[in-house]
Amino acid sequence: MRRVRQTASGDAGYWDAAISSFSKEETNAVWRAHSDAVNAALLSPWLPRGQVDRLLKTDAFEEAVAAGLYPVLAPHARRVTLIDVSGAALDAARTRYPAVETVLADARELPFEDGSFEVVVSTSTLDHFRSLEDIAAGLWELHRVLRPGGELLLTLDNRANPVVALRNALPYSLLERLHLVPMYVGATCGPCRLRRLLVDAGFETREVCAALHCPRALAVFAAGVVARASSPAAERTFLRLLMRFESLERLPTRYLTGYFVAARARRR
């Protein structure tokens, strides 16, 4: 693993502890399986049809705590690189997938040359920063390391969803004390603001949509109950039920029900 200077003081230790906590909690497995399935269904049509040279994913969390997206991404690139501020996340991801390249880095200050990647995948990474300025800085860096014509596949927490908006309006200290969130939540935005941020960073927005439409709090609780039941048949049935909620994406209300706003954008 290549190590570089950290740019987010204090973040690495927090995320190391979060990875350890998630890895030990077996009841997260069913929910993580659904999250991976939703991301895979979203990204698969957007990924290149052929195999590009290099693809960057801006965190290793999914691959550290579950199967993650590496199996979906690997067939589309000769070299897949994961970055993260957490060494524990990168170590766990590399243990699960020895072929992956891992680099300790912050998305706002990447240790790569300009135009290093044809594709960047960023699934709910930038929404853990404290401000929209941080998100903008991350987008500028992702633009820099993409080759001209390269594509960014991005998801953020969707502030147009009333539940997400309410959550983000409350102090994080309160959310943490009441155990309403499993980890730190940062600034984010809805689809209109995301389009503006992408344009400002030099991207051409090709598609914007929403994802993860099930009632999240209830679904996470139910996933824990199903996981404790230890019945593979019950898990498969439950996961099929959750995926049916993704049909809400076809409705005009999709940004009110989707917990993530997603964008496919091209570097101009």
Protein backbone atom coordinates (compact mmCIF):
# COMPACT_ATOMS: atom_id res chain seq x y z
CA MET A 1 0.00 0.00 0.00
CA ARG A 2 1.38 3.39 -1.02
CA ARG A 3 1.19 5.90 1.84
CA VAL A 4 0.82 9.64 1.40
CA ARG A 5 0.37 12.66 3.61
CA GLN A 6 -3.03 12.85 5.27
CA THR A 7 -4.98 16.05 4.74
CA ALA A 8 -7.93 15.55 7.08
CA SER A 9 -6.61 15.74 10.61
CA GLY A 10 -8.39 13.35 12.96
CA ASP A 11 -10.45 11.65 10.27
CA ALA A 12 -8.24 8.57 9.88
CA GLY A 13 -8.57 7.44 13.49
CA TYR A 14 -12.32 7.94 13.44
CA TRP A 15 -12.75 5.88 10.27
CA ASP A 16 -10.38 3.16 11.49
CA ALA A 17 -12.65 2.74 14.53
CA ALA A 18 -15.78 2.81 12.36
CA ILE A 19 -14.41 0.06 10.12
CA SER A 20 -13.62 -2.07 13.16
CA SER A 21 -17.13 -1.57 14.55
CA PHE A 22 -18.88 -2.37 11.28
CA SER A 23 -16.73 -5.43 10.66
CA LYS A 24 -17.62 -6.92 14.05
CA GLU A 25 -21.37 -6.28 13.73
CA GLU A 26 -22.74 -9.32 11.90
CA THR A 27 -26.26 -7.87 11.70
CA ASN A 28 -24.96 -5.30 9.17
CA ALA A 29 -24.41 -8.04 6.57
CA VAL A 30 -27.92 -8.11 5.10
CA TRP A 31 -28.16 -4.33 4.83
CA ARG A 32 -24.69 -4.14 3.27
CA ALA A 33 -25.78 -6.75 0.70
CA HIS A 34 -28.75 -4.56 -0.27
CA SER A 35 -26.61 -1.42 -0.43
CA ASP A 36 -24.10 -3.19 -2.69
CA ALA A 37 -26.92 -4.47 -4.91
CA VAL A 38 -28.42 -0.99 -5.31
CA ASN A 39 -25.04 0.51 -6.18
CA ALA A 40 -24.28 -2.30 -8.62
CA ALA A 41 -27.64 -1.86 -10.38
CA LEU A 42 -27.03 1.90 -10.60
CA LEU A 43 -23.43 1.74 -11.84
CA SER A 44 -23.53 -1.23 -14.20
CA PRO A 45 -25.25 0.62 -17.08
CA TRP A 46 -22.85 3.56 -16.64
CA LEU A 47 -19.58 1.63 -16.61
CA PRO A 48 -17.58 1.42 -19.86
CA ARG A 49 -18.52 -1.44 -22.17
CA GLY A 50 -14.89 -2.29 -22.79
CA GLN A 51 -11.98 -2.45 -20.37
CA VAL A 52 -10.27 0.84 -19.58
CA ASP A 53 -6.71 1.11 -18.32
CA ARG A 54 -7.30 2.64 -14.87
CA LEU A 55 -10.34 3.16 -12.64
CA LEU A 56 -10.36 4.98 -9.30
CA LYS A 57 -12.81 4.38 -6.46
CA THR A 58 -12.74 7.11 -3.82
CA ASP A 59 -13.17 4.93 -0.73
CA ALA A 60 -12.65 1.36 0.45
CA PHE A 61 -15.48 1.21 2.99
CA GLU A 62 -17.76 -1.15 1.05
CA GLU A 63 -14.90 -3.53 0.26
CA ALA A 64 -13.70 -3.44 3.86
CA VAL A 65 -16.98 -4.42 5.50
CA ALA A 66 -18.68 -6.50 2.78
CA ALA A 67 -18.26 -7.70 -0.80
CA GLY A 68 -18.50 -4.10 -1.98
CA LEU A 69 -18.25 -2.95 -5.58
CA TYR A 70 -14.85 -4.30 -6.57
CA PRO A 71 -16.36 -7.41 -8.25
CA VAL A 72 -18.56 -5.08 -10.34
CA LEU A 73 -15.74 -2.68 -11.22
CA ALA A 74 -12.85 -5.09 -11.85
CA PRO A 75 -14.09 -6.47 -15.21
CA HIS A 76 -14.17 -2.91 -16.59
CA ALA A 77 -10.57 -1.91 -15.85
CA ARG A 78 -7.13 -3.46 -16.06
CA ARG A 79 -6.22 -1.67 -12.83
CA VAL A 80 -8.59 -0.66 -10.03
CA THR A 81 -7.32 1.73 -7.35
CA LEU A 82 -9.04 2.32 -4.01
CA ILE A 83 -8.21 5.34 -1.88
CA ASP A 84 -9.23 5.99 1.71
CA VAL A 85 -8.07 8.01 4.72
CA SER A 86 -8.44 4.84 6.80
CA GLY A 87 -5.53 2.42 6.71
CA ALA A 88 -7.77 -0.18 8.37
CA ALA A 89 -10.27 0.07 5.50
CA LEU A 90 -7.53 -0.34 2.91
CA ASP A 91 -5.96 -3.27 4.75
CA ALA A 92 -9.31 -5.05 4.99
CA ALA A 93 -10.12 -4.38 1.33
CA ARG A 94 -6.73 -5.67 0.20
CA THR A 95 -7.13 -8.79 2.35
CA ARG A 96 -10.43 -9.51 0.60
CA TYR A 97 -9.15 -8.55 -2.86
CA PRO A 98 -5.34 -8.98 -3.14
CA ALA A 99 -5.28 -7.70 -6.73
CA VAL A 100 -6.61 -4.25 -5.90
CA GLU A 101 -4.25 -1.28 -5.60
CA THR A 102 -4.73 0.72 -2.39
CA VAL A 103 -3.50 4.24 -1.64
CA LEU A 104 -3.88 6.12 1.64
CA ALA A 105 -5.22 9.49 0.50
CA ASP A 106 -7.86 12.18 0.93
CA ALA A 107 -10.20 12.83 -2.01
CA ARG A 108 -9.53 16.56 -1.70
CA GLU A 109 -5.78 16.15 -2.31
CA LEU A 110 -5.03 13.17 -4.52
CA PRO A 111 -1.47 11.86 -5.04
CA PHE A 112 -1.96 11.15 -8.75
CA GLU A 113 -0.83 12.91 -11.91
CA ASP A 114 -3.29 14.88 -13.99
CA GLY A 115 -5.37 12.64 -16.26
CA SER A 116 -4.40 9.38 -14.55
CA PHE A 117 -7.81 7.65 -14.79
CA GLU A 118 -10.47 7.05 -17.41
CA VAL A 119 -13.21 6.44 -14.81
CA VAL A 120 -13.74 7.61 -11.22
CA VAL A 121 -16.40 5.99 -9.03
CA SER A 122 -17.35 7.89 -5.88
CA THR A 123 -20.16 6.32 -3.85
CA SER A 124 -21.15 8.44 -0.85
CA THR A 125 -17.61 9.64 -0.13
CA LEU A 126 -17.75 13.40 -0.53
CA ASP A 127 -20.87 13.67 1.64
CA HIS A 128 -18.79 12.84 4.73
CA PHE A 129 -16.94 16.16 4.52
CA ARG A 130 -18.03 19.10 6.64
CA SER A 131 -18.97 21.65 3.97
CA LEU A 132 -20.06 22.14 0.39
CA GLU A 133 -16.69 23.80 -0.16
CA ASP A 134 -15.07 20.46 0.71
CA ILE A 135 -17.33 18.71 -1.79
CA ALA A 136 -16.38 21.27 -4.43
CA ALA A 137 -12.68 20.74 -3.66
CA GLY A 138 -13.15 17.00 -4.03
CA LEU A 139 -14.90 17.44 -7.37
CA TRP A 140 -12.07 19.64 -8.65
CA GLU A 141 -9.54 16.96 -7.70
CA LEU A 142 -11.58 14.21 -9.33
CA HIS A 143 -11.79 16.37 -12.47
CA ARG A 144 -8.02 16.87 -12.40
CA VAL A 145 -7.14 13.17 -12.22
CA LEU A 146 -9.62 12.20 -14.94
CA ARG A 147 -8.46 12.13 -18.53
CA PRO A 148 -10.30 14.45 -20.96
CA GLY A 149 -13.53 12.66 -21.83
CA GLY A 150 -13.23 10.49 -18.71
CA GLU A 151 -16.32 9.86 -16.61
CA LEU A 152 -17.24 10.44 -12.97
CA LEU A 153 -19.92 8.18 -11.47
CA LEU A 154 -20.98 9.83 -8.24
CA THR A 155 -23.49 9.43 -5.42
CA LEU A 156 -24.15 11.73 -2.47
CA ASP A 157 -26.73 11.78 0.31
CA ASN A 158 -29.80 13.40 -1.25
CA ARG A 159 -30.82 16.55 0.59
CA ALA A 160 -34.01 16.75 -1.50
CA ASN A 161 -35.24 13.75 0.47
CA PRO A 162 -37.09 15.20 3.51
CA VAL A 163 -35.63 12.59 5.87
CA VAL A 164 -32.07 13.40 4.80
CA ALA A 165 -32.80 17.14 4.98
CA LEU A 166 -34.14 16.81 8.53
CA ARG A 167 -31.21 14.65 9.59
CA ASN A 168 -28.70 17.16 8.23
CA ALA A 169 -30.52 20.06 9.90
CA LEU A 170 -29.93 18.49 13.33
CA PRO A 171 -26.61 18.71 15.20
CA TYR A 172 -24.47 15.65 14.59
CA SER A 173 -23.76 15.41 18.32
CA LEU A 174 -27.49 14.90 18.92
CA LEU A 175 -27.81 12.32 16.13
CA GLU A 176 -24.85 10.42 17.54
CA ARG A 177 -26.12 10.56 21.13
CA LEU A 178 -29.52 9.18 20.07
CA HIS A 179 -27.89 6.52 17.85
CA LEU A 180 -29.81 7.80 14.82
CA VAL A 181 -26.84 7.53 12.46
CA PRO A 182 -24.16 4.80 12.31
CA MET A 183 -21.34 7.18 11.37
CA TYR A 184 -20.48 10.82 10.76
CA VAL A 185 -22.70 12.57 8.20
CA GLY A 186 -21.44 15.67 6.50
CA ALA A 187 -22.71 18.34 4.15
CA THR A 188 -24.57 17.37 1.00
CA CYS A 189 -27.04 18.69 -1.55
CA GLY A 190 -29.91 17.82 -3.86
CA PRO A 191 -29.93 17.28 -7.62
CA CYS A 192 -30.06 20.95 -8.69
CA ARG A 193 -27.12 22.02 -6.52
CA LEU A 194 -25.18 18.92 -7.57
CA ARG A 195 -25.56 19.86 -11.24
CA ARG A 196 -24.18 23.33 -10.48
CA LEU A 197 -21.24 21.93 -8.50
CA LEU A 198 -20.38 19.58 -11.36
CA VAL A 199 -20.51 22.35 -13.95
CA ASP A 200 -18.39 24.63 -11.75
CA ALA A 201 -15.78 21.86 -11.46
CA GLY A 202 -15.56 21.50 -15.23
CA PHE A 203 -17.87 18.54 -15.83
CA GLU A 204 -20.57 17.99 -18.40
CA THR A 205 -23.50 16.35 -16.58
CA ARG A 206 -24.87 13.47 -18.64
CA GLU A 207 -27.42 11.97 -16.26
CA VAL A 208 -28.80 12.61 -12.76
CA CYS A 209 -31.10 10.27 -10.84
CA ALA A 210 -31.88 8.99 -7.34
CA ALA A 211 -31.19 5.65 -5.67
CA LEU A 212 -32.02 3.66 -2.53
CA HIS A 213 -35.75 4.27 -2.28
CA CYS A 214 -36.74 1.92 0.56
CA PRO A 215 -37.65 3.51 3.96
CA ARG A 216 -34.08 3.33 5.21
CA ALA A 217 -34.43 3.35 9.00
CA LEU A 218 -37.11 0.65 8.94
CA ALA A 219 -35.18 -1.36 6.36
CA VAL A 220 -31.95 -1.30 8.39
CA PHE A 221 -33.83 -2.44 11.50
CA ALA A 222 -35.60 -5.21 9.57
CA ALA A 223 -32.30 -6.27 7.97
CA GLY A 224 -30.84 -6.77 11.45
CA VAL A 225 -33.80 -8.93 12.46
CA VAL A 226 -33.43 -11.02 9.30
CA ALA A 227 -29.68 -11.37 9.84
CA ARG A 228 -30.20 -12.65 13.37
CA ALA A 229 -32.66 -15.24 12.05
CA SER A 230 -29.75 -16.79 10.10
CA SER A 231 -32.02 -18.09 7.33
CA PRO A 232 -30.54 -17.78 3.82
CA ALA A 233 -34.02 -18.18 2.31
CA ALA A 234 -35.41 -15.38 4.47
CA GLU A 235 -32.46 -13.14 3.52
CA ARG A 236 -33.02 -13.72 -0.21
CA THR A 237 -36.74 -12.99 0.10
CA PHE A 238 -36.10 -9.86 2.14
CA LEU A 239 -33.50 -8.55 -0.32
CA ARG A 240 -35.83 -9.12 -3.26
CA LEU A 241 -38.53 -7.17 -1.42
CA LEU A 242 -36.19 -4.25 -0.75
CA MET A 243 -35.11 -4.09 -4.40
CA ARG A 244 -38.74 -3.61 -5.45
CA PHE A 245 -38.62 -0.15 -3.88
CA GLU A 246 -36.15 0.89 -6.60
CA SER A 247 -39.09 1.00 -9.03
CA LEU A 248 -39.94 4.33 -7.33
CA GLU A 249 -37.13 5.79 -9.43
CA ARG A 250 -39.54 5.84 -12.37
CA LEU A 251 -41.92 8.24 -10.59
CA PRO A 252 -41.76 12.06 -10.60
CA THR A 253 -41.31 11.88 -6.81
CA ARG A 254 -38.00 10.00 -7.09
CA TYR A 255 -35.97 12.75 -5.41
CA LEU A 256 -38.32 12.72 -2.44
CA THR A 257 -37.90 8.98 -1.87
CA GLY A 258 -34.30 8.37 -2.94
CA TYR A 259 -31.72 8.57 -0.16
CA PHE A 260 -28.94 9.19 -2.67
CA VAL A 261 -28.66 11.52 -5.61
CA ALA A 262 -26.50 10.03 -8.36
CA ALA A 263 -24.78 11.60 -11.35
CA ARG A 264 -22.88 10.49 -14.40
CA ALA A 265 -20.63 13.29 -15.62
CA ARG A 266 -17.88 13.67 -18.21
CA ARG A 267 -14.72 15.72 -17.91
CA ARG A 268 -14.77 18.42 -20.55
